[in-house]
């Protein structure tokens, strides 16, 4: 995550990293899903949320079941 987003990845993301590492998914799969969710959320909710908040939400959503789009749409619905 730090390689892709060095300015918005900080020590507060360590807890997410630990939780994601406890899943049975591969690192590449997790990173791809976070990136997919991040891009989707950023495009959809735009400036209503900051990049760090969008990254955090993307990491939380990667812990849940479902497609990135389904999870993001549900989060956006609740956000609105």
PDB file of N, CA and C in Angstrom:
ATOM      1  N   UNK A   1       0.828  -1.185   0.000  1.00  0.00           N
ATOM      2  CA  UNK A   1       0.000   0.000   0.000  1.00  0.00           C
ATOM      3  C   UNK A   1       0.872   1.248   0.000  1.00  0.00           C
ATOM      4  N   UNK A   2       1.935   1.197   0.763  1.00  0.00           N
ATOM      5  CA  UNK A   2       2.830   2.345   0.852  1.00  0.00           C
ATOM      6  C   UNK A   2       3.509   2.629  -0.485  1.00  0.00           C
ATOM      7  N   UNK A   3       3.815   1.583  -1.257  1.00  0.00           N
ATOM      8  CA  UNK A   3       4.439   1.783  -2.572  1.00  0.00           C
ATOM      9  C   UNK A   3       3.499   2.514  -3.522  1.00  0.00           C
ATOM     10  N   UNK A   4       2.207   2.190  -3.457  1.00  0.00           N
ATOM     11  CA  UNK A   4       1.243   2.788  -4.371  1.00  0.00           C
ATOM     12  C   UNK A   4       0.759   4.161  -3.908  1.00  0.00           C
ATOM     13  N   UNK A   5       0.709   4.372  -2.590  1.00  0.00           N
ATOM     14  CA  UNK A   5       0.165   5.615  -2.038  1.00  0.00           C
ATOM     15  C   UNK A   5       1.027   6.103  -0.869  1.00  0.00           C
ATOM     16  N   UNK A   6       2.260   6.494  -1.135  1.00  0.00           N
ATOM     17  CA  UNK A   6       3.171   6.843  -0.036  1.00  0.00           C
ATOM     18  C   UNK A   6       2.727   8.038   0.792  1.00  0.00           C
ATOM     19  N   UNK A   7       1.973   8.946   0.218  1.00  0.00           N
ATOM     20  CA  UNK A   7       1.584  10.146   0.953  1.00  0.00           C
ATOM     21  C   UNK A   7       0.348   9.942   1.818  1.00  0.00           C
ATOM     22  N   UNK A   8      -0.440   8.910   1.547  1.00  0.00           N
ATOM     23  CA  UNK A   8      -1.645   8.692   2.356  1.00  0.00           C
ATOM     24  C   UNK A   8      -1.584   7.398   3.167  1.00  0.00           C
ATOM     25  N   UNK A   9      -0.480   6.678   3.084  1.00  0.00           N
ATOM     26  CA  UNK A   9      -0.322   5.466   3.882  1.00  0.00           C
ATOM     27  C   UNK A   9       0.573   5.800   5.068  1.00  0.00           C
ATOM     28  N   UNK A  10       0.036   5.592   6.254  1.00  0.00           N
ATOM     29  CA  UNK A  10       0.792   5.913   7.457  1.00  0.00           C
ATOM     30  C   UNK A  10       0.678   4.824   8.498  1.00  0.00           C
ATOM     31  N   UNK A  11       1.163   5.136   9.679  1.00  0.00           N
ATOM     32  CA  UNK A  11       1.163   4.142  10.757  1.00  0.00           C
ATOM     33  C   UNK A  11      -0.247   3.727  11.152  1.00  0.00           C
ATOM     34  N   UNK A  12      -1.228   4.598  10.930  1.00  0.00           N
ATOM     35  CA  UNK A  12      -2.614   4.251  11.266  1.00  0.00           C
ATOM     36  C   UNK A  12      -3.144   3.111  10.395  1.00  0.00           C
ATOM     37  N   UNK A  13      -2.487   2.832   9.286  1.00  0.00           N
ATOM     38  CA  UNK A  13      -2.909   1.749   8.395  1.00  0.00           C
ATOM     39  C   UNK A  13      -2.369   0.389   8.824  1.00  0.00           C
ATOM     40  N   UNK A  14      -1.511   0.368   9.824  1.00  0.00           N
ATOM     41  CA  UNK A  14      -0.922  -0.898  10.296  1.00  0.00           C
ATOM     42  C   UNK A  14      -1.975  -1.879  10.780  1.00  0.00           C
ATOM     43  N   UNK A  15      -2.984  -1.370  11.497  1.00  0.00           N
ATOM     44  CA  UNK A  15      -4.043  -2.254  11.998  1.00  0.00           C
ATOM     45  C   UNK A  15      -4.791  -2.921  10.849  1.00  0.00           C
ATOM     46  N   UNK A  16      -5.066  -2.157   9.793  1.00  0.00           N
ATOM     47  CA  UNK A  16      -5.722  -2.741   8.620  1.00  0.00           C
ATOM     48  C   UNK A  16      -4.836  -3.808   7.993  1.00  0.00           C
ATOM     49  N   UNK A  17      -3.553  -3.524   7.902  1.00  0.00           N
ATOM     50  CA  UNK A  17      -2.611  -4.492   7.330  1.00  0.00           C
ATOM     51  C   UNK A  17      -2.608  -5.794   8.110  1.00  0.00           C
ATOM     52  N   UNK A  18      -2.651  -5.693   9.422  1.00  0.00           N
ATOM     53  CA  UNK A  18      -2.681  -6.891  10.269  1.00  0.00           C
ATOM     54  C   UNK A  18      -3.971  -7.664  10.046  1.00  0.00           C
ATOM     55  N   UNK A  19      -5.102  -6.973  10.037  1.00  0.00           N
ATOM     56  CA  UNK A  19      -6.381  -7.653   9.815  1.00  0.00           C
ATOM     57  C   UNK A  19      -6.428  -8.322   8.444  1.00  0.00           C
ATOM     58  N   UNK A  20      -5.925  -7.638   7.435  1.00  0.00           N
ATOM     59  CA  UNK A  20      -5.914  -8.215   6.091  1.00  0.00           C
ATOM     60  C   UNK A  20      -4.971  -9.406   6.002  1.00  0.00           C
ATOM     61  N   UNK A  21      -3.865  -9.354   6.727  1.00  0.00           N
ATOM     62  CA  UNK A  21      -2.909 -10.468   6.717  1.00  0.00           C
ATOM     63  C   UNK A  21      -3.492 -11.716   7.373  1.00  0.00           C
ATOM     64  N   UNK A  22      -4.494 -11.547   8.221  1.00  0.00           N
ATOM     65  CA  UNK A  22      -5.104 -12.687   8.911  1.00  0.00           C
ATOM     66  C   UNK A  22      -6.111 -13.428   8.037  1.00  0.00           C
ATOM     67  N   UNK A  23      -6.408 -12.893   6.860  1.00  0.00           N
ATOM     68  CA  UNK A  23      -7.328 -13.579   5.951  1.00  0.00           C
ATOM     69  C   UNK A  23      -6.561 -14.630   5.153  1.00  0.00           C
ATOM     70  N   UNK A  24      -7.296 -15.462   4.440  1.00  0.00           N
ATOM     71  CA  UNK A  24      -6.653 -16.501   3.637  1.00  0.00           C
ATOM     72  C   UNK A  24      -6.379 -16.040   2.206  1.00  0.00           C
ATOM     73  N   UNK A  25      -6.561 -14.759   1.938  1.00  0.00           N
ATOM     74  CA  UNK A  25      -6.368 -14.222   0.590  1.00  0.00           C
ATOM     75  C   UNK A  25      -4.908 -13.864   0.358  1.00  0.00           C
ATOM     76  N   UNK A  26      -4.511 -13.874  -0.909  1.00  0.00           N
ATOM     77  CA  UNK A  26      -3.136 -13.519  -1.251  1.00  0.00           C
ATOM     78  C   UNK A  26      -2.953 -12.003  -1.148  1.00  0.00           C
ATOM     79  N   UNK A  27      -1.719 -11.596  -0.949  1.00  0.00           N
ATOM     80  CA  UNK A  27      -1.400 -10.171  -0.861  1.00  0.00           C
ATOM     81  C   UNK A  27      -1.806  -9.463  -2.156  1.00  0.00           C
ATOM     82  N   UNK A  28      -1.496 -10.068  -3.293  1.00  0.00           N
ATOM     83  CA  UNK A  28      -1.848  -9.458  -4.579  1.00  0.00           C
ATOM     84  C   UNK A  28      -3.353  -9.275  -4.731  1.00  0.00           C
ATOM     85  N   UNK A  29      -4.129 -10.268  -4.301  1.00  0.00           N
ATOM     86  CA  UNK A  29      -5.583 -10.187  -4.378  1.00  0.00           C
ATOM     87  C   UNK A  29      -6.103  -9.047  -3.505  1.00  0.00           C
ATOM     88  N   UNK A  30      -5.570  -8.934  -2.309  1.00  0.00           N
ATOM     89  CA  UNK A  30      -5.988  -7.875  -1.383  1.00  0.00           C
ATOM     90  C   UNK A  30      -5.640  -6.503  -1.953  1.00  0.00           C
ATOM     91  N   UNK A  31      -4.410  -6.342  -2.415  1.00  0.00           N
ATOM     92  CA  UNK A  31      -3.972  -5.050  -2.973  1.00  0.00           C
ATOM     93  C   UNK A  31      -4.816  -4.681  -4.186  1.00  0.00           C
ATOM     94  N   UNK A  32      -5.081  -5.646  -5.066  1.00  0.00           N
ATOM     95  CA  UNK A  32      -5.914  -5.366  -6.247  1.00  0.00           C
ATOM     96  C   UNK A  32      -7.311  -4.914  -5.849  1.00  0.00           C
ATOM     97  N   UNK A  33      -7.889  -5.563  -4.838  1.00  0.00           N
ATOM     98  CA  UNK A  33      -9.227  -5.174  -4.406  1.00  0.00           C
ATOM     99  C   UNK A  33      -9.220  -3.790  -3.766  1.00  0.00           C
ATOM    100  N   UNK A  34      -8.216  -3.506  -2.960  1.00  0.00           N
ATOM    101  CA  UNK A  34      -8.117  -2.174  -2.350  1.00  0.00           C
ATOM    102  C   UNK A  34      -8.007  -1.111  -3.441  1.00  0.00           C
ATOM    103  N   UNK A  35      -7.179  -1.366  -4.434  1.00  0.00           N
ATOM    104  CA  UNK A  35      -7.003  -0.408  -5.532  1.00  0.00           C
ATOM    105  C   UNK A  35      -8.292  -0.229  -6.337  1.00  0.00           C
ATOM    106  N   UNK A  36      -8.987  -1.326  -6.604  1.00  0.00           N
ATOM    107  CA  UNK A  36     -10.252  -1.257  -7.335  1.00  0.00           C
ATOM    108  C   UNK A  36     -11.269  -0.436  -6.561  1.00  0.00           C
ATOM    109  N   UNK A  37     -11.387  -0.726  -5.275  1.00  0.00           N
ATOM    110  CA  UNK A  37     -12.334   0.007  -4.426  1.00  0.00           C
ATOM    111  C   UNK A  37     -11.945   1.471  -4.309  1.00  0.00           C
ATOM    112  N   UNK A  38     -10.662   1.735  -4.119  1.00  0.00           N
ATOM    113  CA  UNK A  38     -10.176   3.105  -3.982  1.00  0.00           C
ATOM    114  C   UNK A  38     -10.530   3.926  -5.228  1.00  0.00           C
ATOM    115  N   UNK A  39     -10.245   3.381  -6.408  1.00  0.00           N
ATOM    116  CA  UNK A  39     -10.537   4.090  -7.659  1.00  0.00           C
ATOM    117  C   UNK A  39     -12.037   4.303  -7.832  1.00  0.00           C
ATOM    118  N   UNK A  40     -12.814   3.289  -7.532  1.00  0.00           N
ATOM    119  CA  UNK A  40     -14.274   3.367  -7.672  1.00  0.00           C
ATOM    120  C   UNK A  40     -14.852   4.406  -6.721  1.00  0.00           C
ATOM    121  N   UNK A  41     -14.429   4.352  -5.459  1.00  0.00           N
ATOM    122  CA  UNK A  41     -14.937   5.307  -4.477  1.00  0.00           C
ATOM    123  C   UNK A  41     -14.499   6.727  -4.806  1.00  0.00           C
ATOM    124  N   UNK A  42     -13.274   6.879  -5.199  1.00  0.00           N
ATOM    125  CA  UNK A  42     -12.749   8.206  -5.517  1.00  0.00           C
ATOM    126  C   UNK A  42     -13.518   8.831  -6.679  1.00  0.00           C
ATOM    127  N   UNK A  43     -13.800   8.007  -7.682  1.00  0.00           N
ATOM    128  CA  UNK A  43     -14.558   8.486  -8.847  1.00  0.00           C
ATOM    129  C   UNK A  43     -15.999   8.810  -8.455  1.00  0.00           C
ATOM    130  N   UNK A  44     -16.574   7.992  -7.587  1.00  0.00           N
ATOM    131  CA  UNK A  44     -17.991   8.115  -7.268  1.00  0.00           C
ATOM    132  C   UNK A  44     -18.284   9.188  -6.229  1.00  0.00           C
ATOM    133  N   UNK A  45     -17.497   9.234  -5.157  1.00  0.00           N
ATOM    134  CA  UNK A  45     -17.818  10.212  -4.111  1.00  0.00           C
ATOM    135  C   UNK A  45     -16.953  11.458  -4.188  1.00  0.00           C
ATOM    136  N   UNK A  46     -15.925  11.426  -5.006  1.00  0.00           N
ATOM    137  CA  UNK A  46     -15.118  12.605  -5.278  1.00  0.00           C
ATOM    138  C   UNK A  46     -14.615  13.323  -4.048  1.00  0.00           C
ATOM    139  N   UNK A  47     -14.818  14.607  -3.999  1.00  0.00           N
ATOM    140  CA  UNK A  47     -14.259  15.446  -2.942  1.00  0.00           C
ATOM    141  C   UNK A  47     -15.065  15.418  -1.656  1.00  0.00           C
ATOM    142  N   UNK A  48     -16.113  14.609  -1.581  1.00  0.00           N
ATOM    143  CA  UNK A  48     -16.890  14.516  -0.349  1.00  0.00           C
ATOM    144  C   UNK A  48     -16.095  13.849   0.765  1.00  0.00           C
ATOM    145  N   UNK A  49     -15.030  13.157   0.415  1.00  0.00           N
ATOM    146  CA  UNK A  49     -14.173  12.495   1.401  1.00  0.00           C
ATOM    147  C   UNK A  49     -12.726  12.643   0.942  1.00  0.00           C
ATOM    148  N   UNK A  50     -11.818  12.684   1.893  1.00  0.00           N
ATOM    149  CA  UNK A  50     -10.403  12.807   1.569  1.00  0.00           C
ATOM    150  C   UNK A  50      -9.805  11.493   1.111  1.00  0.00           C
ATOM    151  N   UNK A  51      -8.642  11.570   0.477  1.00  0.00           N
ATOM    152  CA  UNK A  51      -7.978  10.373  -0.037  1.00  0.00           C
ATOM    153  C   UNK A  51      -7.646   9.375   1.058  1.00  0.00           C
ATOM    154  N   UNK A  52      -7.208   9.856   2.221  1.00  0.00           N
ATOM    155  CA  UNK A  52      -6.869   8.952   3.317  1.00  0.00           C
ATOM    156  C   UNK A  52      -8.106   8.207   3.818  1.00  0.00           C
ATOM    157  N   UNK A  53      -9.213   8.909   3.906  1.00  0.00           N
ATOM    158  CA  UNK A  53     -10.461   8.275   4.336  1.00  0.00           C
ATOM    159  C   UNK A  53     -10.936   7.246   3.318  1.00  0.00           C
ATOM    160  N   UNK A  54     -10.779   7.565   2.034  1.00  0.00           N
ATOM    161  CA  UNK A  54     -11.170   6.625   0.981  1.00  0.00           C
ATOM    162  C   UNK A  54     -10.280   5.388   1.021  1.00  0.00           C
ATOM    163  N   UNK A  55      -8.993   5.576   1.265  1.00  0.00           N
ATOM    164  CA  UNK A  55      -8.095   4.426   1.367  1.00  0.00           C
ATOM    165  C   UNK A  55      -8.470   3.557   2.571  1.00  0.00           C
ATOM    166  N   UNK A  56      -8.753   4.174   3.696  1.00  0.00           N
ATOM    167  CA  UNK A  56      -9.154   3.415   4.888  1.00  0.00           C
ATOM    168  C   UNK A  56     -10.420   2.620   4.651  1.00  0.00           C
ATOM    169  N   UNK A  57     -11.397   3.247   4.031  1.00  0.00           N
ATOM    170  CA  UNK A  57     -12.643   2.549   3.718  1.00  0.00           C
ATOM    171  C   UNK A  57     -12.388   1.396   2.755  1.00  0.00           C
ATOM    172  N   UNK A  58     -11.516   1.592   1.789  1.00  0.00           N
ATOM    173  CA  UNK A  58     -11.184   0.533   0.833  1.00  0.00           C
ATOM    174  C   UNK A  58     -10.568  -0.667   1.533  1.00  0.00           C
ATOM    175  N   UNK A  59      -9.742  -0.414   2.539  1.00  0.00           N
ATOM    176  CA  UNK A  59      -9.125  -1.510   3.294  1.00  0.00           C
ATOM    177  C   UNK A  59     -10.152  -2.252   4.140  1.00  0.00           C
ATOM    178  N   UNK A  60     -11.066  -1.521   4.756  1.00  0.00           N
ATOM    179  CA  UNK A  60     -12.124  -2.163   5.543  1.00  0.00           C
ATOM    180  C   UNK A  60     -13.007  -3.013   4.635  1.00  0.00           C
ATOM    181  N   UNK A  61     -13.371  -2.469   3.489  1.00  0.00           N
ATOM    182  CA  UNK A  61     -14.227  -3.212   2.562  1.00  0.00           C
ATOM    183  C   UNK A  61     -13.554  -4.477   2.046  1.00  0.00           C
ATOM    184  N   UNK A  62     -12.224  -4.467   1.940  1.00  0.00           N
ATOM    185  CA  UNK A  62     -11.504  -5.656   1.480  1.00  0.00           C
ATOM    186  C   UNK A  62     -11.629  -6.812   2.466  1.00  0.00           C
ATOM    187  N   UNK A  63     -12.025  -6.528   3.697  1.00  0.00           N
ATOM    188  CA  UNK A  63     -12.220  -7.578   4.698  1.00  0.00           C
ATOM    189  C   UNK A  63     -13.558  -8.288   4.537  1.00  0.00           C
ATOM    190  N   UNK A  64     -14.479  -7.690   3.792  1.00  0.00           N
ATOM    191  CA  UNK A  64     -15.834  -8.206   3.677  1.00  0.00           C
ATOM    192  C   UNK A  64     -16.008  -9.062   2.422  1.00  0.00           C
ATOM    193  N   UNK A  65     -17.080  -9.836   2.415  1.00  0.00           N
ATOM    194  CA  UNK A  65     -17.438 -10.665   1.265  1.00  0.00           C
ATOM    195  C   UNK A  65     -18.158  -9.835   0.220  1.00  0.00           C
ATOM    196  N   UNK A  66     -18.033 -10.228  -1.044  1.00  0.00           N
ATOM    197  CA  UNK A  66     -18.729  -9.572  -2.129  1.00  0.00           C
ATOM    198  C   UNK A  66     -17.757  -8.930  -3.097  1.00  0.00           C
ATOM    199  N   UNK A  67     -18.306  -8.410  -4.180  1.00  0.00           N
ATOM    200  CA  UNK A  67     -17.464  -7.745  -5.158  1.00  0.00           C
ATOM    201  C   UNK A  67     -17.129  -6.344  -4.657  1.00  0.00           C
ATOM    202  N   UNK A  68     -16.014  -5.786  -5.112  1.00  0.00           N
ATOM    203  CA  UNK A  68     -15.678  -4.428  -4.693  1.00  0.00           C
ATOM    204  C   UNK A  68     -16.786  -3.417  -5.016  1.00  0.00           C
ATOM    205  N   UNK A  69     -17.401  -3.557  -6.186  1.00  0.00           N
ATOM    206  CA  UNK A  69     -18.440  -2.616  -6.587  1.00  0.00           C
ATOM    207  C   UNK A  69     -19.661  -2.708  -5.677  1.00  0.00           C
ATOM    208  N   UNK A  70     -20.073  -3.932  -5.335  1.00  0.00           N
ATOM    209  CA  UNK A  70     -21.229  -4.107  -4.444  1.00  0.00           C
ATOM    210  C   UNK A  70     -20.953  -3.485  -3.083  1.00  0.00           C
ATOM    211  N   UNK A  71     -19.772  -3.750  -2.559  1.00  0.00           N
ATOM    212  CA  UNK A  71     -19.420  -3.217  -1.242  1.00  0.00           C
ATOM    213  C   UNK A  71     -19.313  -1.699  -1.270  1.00  0.00           C
ATOM    214  N   UNK A  72     -18.719  -1.167  -2.323  1.00  0.00           N
ATOM    215  CA  UNK A  72     -18.585   0.285  -2.445  1.00  0.00           C
ATOM    216  C   UNK A  72     -19.954   0.952  -2.592  1.00  0.00           C
ATOM    217  N   UNK A  73     -20.824   0.362  -3.410  1.00  0.00           N
ATOM    218  CA  UNK A  73     -22.158   0.938  -3.602  1.00  0.00           C
ATOM    219  C   UNK A  73     -22.929   0.981  -2.289  1.00  0.00           C
ATOM    220  N   UNK A  74     -22.803  -0.058  -1.498  1.00  0.00           N
ATOM    221  CA  UNK A  74     -23.486  -0.086  -0.206  1.00  0.00           C
ATOM    222  C   UNK A  74     -22.917   0.997   0.723  1.00  0.00           C
ATOM    223  N   UNK A  75     -21.605   1.138   0.740  1.00  0.00           N
ATOM    224  CA  UNK A  75     -20.976   2.165   1.568  1.00  0.00           C
ATOM    225  C   UNK A  75     -21.382   3.564   1.097  1.00  0.00           C
ATOM    226  N   UNK A  76     -21.427   3.775  -0.216  1.00  0.00           N
ATOM    227  CA  UNK A  76     -21.821   5.069  -0.763  1.00  0.00           C
ATOM    228  C   UNK A  76     -23.267   5.378  -0.397  1.00  0.00           C
ATOM    229  N   UNK A  77     -24.133   4.369  -0.488  1.00  0.00           N
ATOM    230  CA  UNK A  77     -25.529   4.548  -0.117  1.00  0.00           C
ATOM    231  C   UNK A  77     -25.637   4.983   1.346  1.00  0.00           C
ATOM    232  N   UNK A  78     -24.900   4.324   2.220  1.00  0.00           N
ATOM    233  CA  UNK A  78     -24.927   4.711   3.642  1.00  0.00           C
ATOM    234  C   UNK A  78     -24.323   6.089   3.854  1.00  0.00           C
ATOM    235  N   UNK A  79     -23.256   6.406   3.113  1.00  0.00           N
ATOM    236  CA  UNK A  79     -22.597   7.709   3.212  1.00  0.00           C
ATOM    237  C   UNK A  79     -23.559   8.838   2.845  1.00  0.00           C
ATOM    238  N   UNK A  80     -24.312   8.621   1.773  1.00  0.00           N
ATOM    239  CA  UNK A  80     -25.255   9.663   1.310  1.00  0.00           C
ATOM    240  C   UNK A  80     -26.453   9.756   2.218  1.00  0.00           C
TER     241      UNK A  80
END
